[in-house]
C-alpha atoms as a PDB file:
ATOM      1  CA  UNK A   1      50.542  26.645 -13.489  1.00  0.00           C
ATOM      2  CA  UNK A   2      47.987  28.132 -15.926  1.00  0.00           C
ATOM      3  CA  UNK A   3      44.859  26.291 -16.797  1.00  0.00           C
ATOM      4  CA  UNK A   4      42.973  26.924 -20.021  1.00  0.00           C
ATOM      5  CA  UNK A   5      39.350  26.839 -19.117  1.00  0.00           C
ATOM      6  CA  UNK A   6      36.821  26.546 -21.910  1.00  0.00           C
ATOM      7  CA  UNK A   7      34.560  29.548 -22.185  1.00  0.00           C
ATOM      8  CA  UNK A   8      31.099  28.916 -20.763  1.00  0.00           C
ATOM      9  CA  UNK A   9      27.880  30.035 -22.355  1.00  0.00           C
ATOM     10  CA  UNK A  10      24.253  29.797 -21.270  1.00  0.00           C
ATOM     11  CA  UNK A  11      22.438  26.956 -23.000  1.00  0.00           C
ATOM     12  CA  UNK A  12      19.991  28.481 -25.336  1.00  0.00           C
ATOM     13  CA  UNK A  13      16.625  26.632 -25.303  1.00  0.00           C
ATOM     14  CA  UNK A  14      15.875  27.856 -28.853  1.00  0.00           C
ATOM     15  CA  UNK A  15      18.877  26.008 -30.141  1.00  0.00           C
ATOM     16  CA  UNK A  16      17.882  22.632 -28.633  1.00  0.00           C
ATOM     17  CA  UNK A  17      15.642  21.830 -31.611  1.00  0.00           C
ATOM     18  CA  UNK A  18      18.715  21.727 -33.839  1.00  0.00           C
ATOM     19  CA  UNK A  19      20.106  18.827 -31.809  1.00  0.00           C
ATOM     20  CA  UNK A  20      16.887  16.662 -31.688  1.00  0.00           C
ATOM     21  CA  UNK A  21      17.601  14.362 -34.680  1.00  0.00           C
ATOM     22  CA  UNK A  22      21.144  13.485 -33.487  1.00  0.00           C
ATOM     23  CA  UNK A  23      20.013  13.197 -29.865  1.00  0.00           C
ATOM     24  CA  UNK A  24      17.156  10.826 -30.896  1.00  0.00           C
ATOM     25  CA  UNK A  25      19.637   8.629 -32.834  1.00  0.00           C
ATOM     26  CA  UNK A  26      21.983   8.398 -29.893  1.00  0.00           C
ATOM     27  CA  UNK A  27      19.115   7.711 -27.438  1.00  0.00           C
ATOM     28  CA  UNK A  28      17.723   5.016 -29.698  1.00  0.00           C
ATOM     29  CA  UNK A  29      21.090   3.211 -29.640  1.00  0.00           C
ATOM     30  CA  UNK A  30      21.322   3.643 -25.902  1.00  0.00           C
ATOM     31  CA  UNK A  31      17.791   2.212 -25.173  1.00  0.00           C
ATOM     32  CA  UNK A  32      17.410  -0.246 -28.022  1.00  0.00           C
ATOM     33  CA  UNK A  33      14.106   1.151 -29.304  1.00  0.00           C
ATOM     34  CA  UNK A  34      12.944   4.320 -31.028  1.00  0.00           C
ATOM     35  CA  UNK A  35      10.074   4.936 -28.643  1.00  0.00           C
ATOM     36  CA  UNK A  36      12.211   4.530 -25.519  1.00  0.00           C
ATOM     37  CA  UNK A  37      14.829   6.742 -27.150  1.00  0.00           C
ATOM     38  CA  UNK A  38      12.298   9.474 -27.815  1.00  0.00           C
ATOM     39  CA  UNK A  39      11.098   9.262 -24.233  1.00  0.00           C
ATOM     40  CA  UNK A  40      14.686   9.549 -23.048  1.00  0.00           C
ATOM     41  CA  UNK A  41      15.383  12.606 -25.145  1.00  0.00           C
ATOM     42  CA  UNK A  42      12.143  14.275 -23.856  1.00  0.00           C
ATOM     43  CA  UNK A  43      12.989  13.521 -20.196  1.00  0.00           C
ATOM     44  CA  UNK A  44      16.509  14.795 -20.583  1.00  0.00           C
ATOM     45  CA  UNK A  45      15.484  18.019 -22.296  1.00  0.00           C
ATOM     46  CA  UNK A  46      12.833  18.537 -19.577  1.00  0.00           C
ATOM     47  CA  UNK A  47      15.589  18.238 -16.898  1.00  0.00           C
ATOM     48  CA  UNK A  48      17.935  20.537 -18.798  1.00  0.00           C
ATOM     49  CA  UNK A  49      15.266  23.231 -19.305  1.00  0.00           C
ATOM     50  CA  UNK A  50      14.174  23.332 -15.607  1.00  0.00           C
ATOM     51  CA  UNK A  51      16.943  25.737 -14.756  1.00  0.00           C
ATOM     52  CA  UNK A  52      19.466  27.746 -16.790  1.00  0.00           C
ATOM     53  CA  UNK A  53      22.552  25.796 -17.680  1.00  0.00           C
ATOM     54  CA  UNK A  54      26.064  27.057 -18.354  1.00  0.00           C
ATOM     55  CA  UNK A  55      27.812  24.843 -20.917  1.00  0.00           C
ATOM     56  CA  UNK A  56      31.539  24.696 -21.371  1.00  0.00           C
ATOM     57  CA  UNK A  57      32.311  23.611 -24.859  1.00  0.00           C
ATOM     58  CA  UNK A  58      30.040  21.846 -27.339  1.00  0.00           C
ATOM     59  CA  UNK A  59      26.320  21.928 -26.558  1.00  0.00           C
ATOM     60  CA  UNK A  60      25.668  18.542 -28.290  1.00  0.00           C
ATOM     61  CA  UNK A  61      28.288  16.824 -26.165  1.00  0.00           C
ATOM     62  CA  UNK A  62      26.816  18.341 -23.043  1.00  0.00           C
ATOM     63  CA  UNK A  63      23.342  17.113 -23.913  1.00  0.00           C
ATOM     64  CA  UNK A  64      24.619  13.596 -24.748  1.00  0.00           C
ATOM     65  CA  UNK A  65      26.348  13.456 -21.375  1.00  0.00           C
ATOM     66  CA  UNK A  66      23.170  14.664 -19.642  1.00  0.00           C
ATOM     67  CA  UNK A  67      21.080  12.090 -21.533  1.00  0.00           C
ATOM     68  CA  UNK A  68      23.507   9.248 -20.663  1.00  0.00           C
ATOM     69  CA  UNK A  69      23.338  10.223 -16.925  1.00  0.00           C
ATOM     70  CA  UNK A  70      19.537  10.336 -17.188  1.00  0.00           C
ATOM     71  CA  UNK A  71      19.522   6.925 -18.814  1.00  0.00           C
ATOM     72  CA  UNK A  72      21.709   5.452 -16.062  1.00  0.00           C
ATOM     73  CA  UNK A  73      19.436   6.991 -13.424  1.00  0.00           C
ATOM     74  CA  UNK A  74      16.369   5.375 -15.075  1.00  0.00           C
ATOM     75  CA  UNK A  75      18.050   1.895 -15.153  1.00  0.00           C
ATOM     76  CA  UNK A  76      19.079   2.226 -11.462  1.00  0.00           C
ATOM     77  CA  UNK A  77      15.549   3.270 -10.453  1.00  0.00           C
ATOM     78  CA  UNK A  78      14.041   0.355 -12.470  1.00  0.00           C
ATOM     79  CA  UNK A  79      16.404  -2.182 -10.706  1.00  0.00           C
ATOM     80  CA  UNK A  80      15.307  -0.831  -7.331  1.00  0.00           C
ATOM     81  CA  UNK A  81      11.624  -1.446  -7.983  1.00  0.00           C
ATOM     82  CA  UNK A  82      10.004  -4.666  -6.852  1.00  0.00           C
ATOM     83  CA  UNK A  83       9.344  -6.912  -9.785  1.00  0.00           C
ATOM     84  CA  UNK A  84       5.774  -8.320  -9.921  1.00  0.00           C
ATOM     85  CA  UNK A  85       4.454 -11.062 -12.041  1.00  0.00           C
ATOM     86  CA  UNK A  86       0.861 -12.159 -12.721  1.00  0.00           C
ATOM     87  CA  UNK A  87      -0.208 -15.464 -11.297  1.00  0.00           C
ATOM     88  CA  UNK A  88      -1.049 -18.188 -13.753  1.00  0.00           C
ATOM     89  CA  UNK A  89      -4.717 -19.174 -13.472  1.00  0.00           C
ATOM     90  CA  UNK A  90      -3.688 -22.773 -12.764  1.00  0.00           C
ATOM     91  CA  UNK A  91      -1.765 -21.607  -9.632  1.00  0.00           C
ATOM     92  CA  UNK A  92      -4.892 -20.118  -8.130  1.00  0.00           C
ATOM     93  CA  UNK A  93      -6.573 -23.520  -8.262  1.00  0.00           C
ATOM     94  CA  UNK A  94      -3.591 -25.145  -6.547  1.00  0.00           C
ATOM     95  CA  UNK A  95      -3.657 -22.632  -3.685  1.00  0.00           C
ATOM     96  CA  UNK A  96      -7.094 -22.935  -2.085  1.00  0.00           C
ATOM     97  CA  UNK A  97      -8.278 -20.370   0.459  1.00  0.00           C
ATOM     98  CA  UNK A  98      -7.324 -21.332   3.965  1.00  0.00           C
ATOM     99  CA  UNK A  99     -10.054 -23.019   5.972  1.00  0.00           C
ATOM    100  CA  UNK A 100     -10.339 -21.394   9.389  1.00  0.00           C
ATOM    101  CA  UNK A 101     -13.553 -22.997  10.375  1.00  0.00           C
ATOM    102  CA  UNK A 102     -11.797 -25.420  12.741  1.00  0.00           C
ATOM    103  CA  UNK A 103     -10.074 -22.611  14.590  1.00  0.00           C
ATOM    104  CA  UNK A 104     -13.327 -20.632  14.791  1.00  0.00           C
ATOM    105  CA  UNK A 105     -15.182 -23.697  16.215  1.00  0.00           C
ATOM    106  CA  UNK A 106     -12.397 -24.296  18.781  1.00  0.00           C
ATOM    107  CA  UNK A 107     -12.400 -20.623  19.800  1.00  0.00           C
ATOM    108  CA  UNK A 108     -16.166 -20.778  20.394  1.00  0.00           C
ATOM    109  CA  UNK A 109     -15.804 -23.916  22.390  1.00  0.00           C
ATOM    110  CA  UNK A 110     -13.055 -22.288  24.595  1.00  0.00           C
ATOM    111  CA  UNK A 111     -15.217 -19.201  25.131  1.00  0.00           C
ATOM    112  CA  UNK A 112     -18.175 -21.309  26.000  1.00  0.00           C
ATOM    113  CA  UNK A 113     -15.962 -23.197  28.559  1.00  0.00           C
ATOM    114  CA  UNK A 114     -14.805 -19.848  29.983  1.00  0.00           C
ATOM    115  CA  UNK A 115     -18.427 -18.699  30.229  1.00  0.00           C
ATOM    116  CA  UNK A 116     -19.280 -21.799  32.345  1.00  0.00           C
ATOM    117  CA  UNK A 117     -16.588 -20.988  34.980  1.00  0.00           C
ATOM    118  CA  UNK A 118     -17.669 -19.649  38.384  1.00  0.00           C
ATOM    119  CA  UNK A 119     -17.647 -15.828  38.499  1.00  0.00           C
ATOM    120  CA  UNK A 120     -14.419 -15.567  40.471  1.00  0.00           C
ATOM    121  CA  UNK A 121     -12.455 -17.692  37.998  1.00  0.00           C
ATOM    122  CA  UNK A 122     -14.155 -16.312  34.911  1.00  0.00           C
ATOM    123  CA  UNK A 123     -13.384 -12.733  35.859  1.00  0.00           C
ATOM    124  CA  UNK A 124      -9.696 -13.387  36.281  1.00  0.00           C
ATOM    125  CA  UNK A 125      -9.428 -15.531  33.016  1.00  0.00           C
ATOM    126  CA  UNK A 126     -11.305 -12.944  30.966  1.00  0.00           C
ATOM    127  CA  UNK A 127      -9.161 -10.109  32.409  1.00  0.00           C
ATOM    128  CA  UNK A 128      -5.794 -11.772  31.760  1.00  0.00           C
ATOM    129  CA  UNK A 129      -6.365 -14.186  28.800  1.00  0.00           C
ATOM    130  CA  UNK A 130      -9.025 -12.290  26.888  1.00  0.00           C
ATOM    131  CA  UNK A 131      -8.515  -8.618  27.689  1.00  0.00           C
ATOM    132  CA  UNK A 132      -4.693  -9.022  27.946  1.00  0.00           C
ATOM    133  CA  UNK A 133      -4.277  -7.355  31.406  1.00  0.00           C
ATOM    134  CA  UNK A 134      -1.127  -7.965  33.394  1.00  0.00           C
ATOM    135  CA  UNK A 135      -1.569  -9.731  36.710  1.00  0.00           C
ATOM    136  CA  UNK A 136      -1.091  -6.376  38.478  1.00  0.00           C
ATOM    137  CA  UNK A 137      -3.767  -4.687  36.231  1.00  0.00           C
ATOM    138  CA  UNK A 138      -6.200  -7.508  36.808  1.00  0.00           C
ATOM    139  CA  UNK A 139      -5.660  -7.383  40.526  1.00  0.00           C
ATOM    140  CA  UNK A 140      -6.302  -3.664  40.645  1.00  0.00           C
ATOM    141  CA  UNK A 141      -9.416  -3.919  38.419  1.00  0.00           C
ATOM    142  CA  UNK A 142     -10.887  -6.735  40.396  1.00  0.00           C
ATOM    143  CA  UNK A 143      -9.820  -5.426  43.773  1.00  0.00           C
ATOM    144  CA  UNK A 144      -7.908  -8.560  44.812  1.00  0.00           C
ATOM    145  CA  UNK A 145      -4.294  -9.379  45.638  1.00  0.00           C
ATOM    146  CA  UNK A 146      -1.928 -10.403  42.750  1.00  0.00           C
ATOM    147  CA  UNK A 147      -1.454 -13.799  44.368  1.00  0.00           C
ATOM    148  CA  UNK A 148      -5.168 -14.444  44.232  1.00  0.00           C
ATOM    149  CA  UNK A 149      -5.191 -13.479  40.554  1.00  0.00           C
ATOM    150  CA  UNK A 150      -2.428 -15.997  39.882  1.00  0.00           C
ATOM    151  CA  UNK A 151      -4.099 -18.864  41.689  1.00  0.00           C
ATOM    152  CA  UNK A 152      -7.573 -18.231  40.338  1.00  0.00           C
ATOM    153  CA  UNK A 153      -6.129 -17.907  36.810  1.00  0.00           C
ATOM    154  CA  UNK A 154      -4.340 -21.288  37.211  1.00  0.00           C
ATOM    155  CA  UNK A 155      -7.494 -22.975  38.517  1.00  0.00           C
ATOM    156  CA  UNK A 156      -9.726 -21.356  35.899  1.00  0.00           C
ATOM    157  CA  UNK A 157      -7.394 -22.441  33.089  1.00  0.00           C
ATOM    158  CA  UNK A 158      -7.360 -25.971  34.417  1.00  0.00           C
ATOM    159  CA  UNK A 159     -11.127 -26.082  34.385  1.00  0.00           C
ATOM    160  CA  UNK A 160     -11.243 -24.818  30.817  1.00  0.00           C
ATOM    161  CA  UNK A 161      -8.714 -27.514  29.797  1.00  0.00           C
ATOM    162  CA  UNK A 162     -10.794 -30.220  31.437  1.00  0.00           C
ATOM    163  CA  UNK A 163     -13.909 -28.953  29.766  1.00  0.00           C
ATOM    164  CA  UNK A 164     -12.160 -29.009  26.362  1.00  0.00           C
ATOM    165  CA  UNK A 165     -10.894 -32.493  26.974  1.00  0.00           C
ATOM    166  CA  UNK A 166     -14.372 -33.615  27.879  1.00  0.00           C
ATOM    167  CA  UNK A 167     -15.739 -32.179  24.698  1.00  0.00           C
ATOM    168  CA  UNK A 168     -12.992 -33.843  22.645  1.00  0.00           C
ATOM    169  CA  UNK A 169     -13.757 -37.220  24.159  1.00  0.00           C
ATOM    170  CA  UNK A 170     -17.488 -36.848  23.387  1.00  0.00           C
END
């Protein structure tokens, strides 16, 4: 079984200029515009010239194949990018900025109710609900048993709820 391999030659950068007009015509047909075709030719030649290439057969056919591969890579990359669109000015008027003033007021009222608690309840509520400590961490920090933390937390929360209900009624 003998194979007839085409002789390979190193791609001569000086000869690339001879292929530019034909490559530009092919690239223009591939991309649909002259400017995009010229960009494609430039990118392809840049890739080809980065390292020495051995070409088997016709240089022009090799360059067209490289340019086609480059074009396909560009299309794939463009399809992977997230598409963004500018918002219409009328849409901005439809979407008002969220109003958090009610939540801020409520948070202030809750913190005021917590501040009014007796020290023993307030310390536990602040440690667990504000600082985010676990029951065990709060117990160690306050020097009390975990069961005491749980009962004081329950009672402290109940007092805050009653204070909030009283403010809502007023």
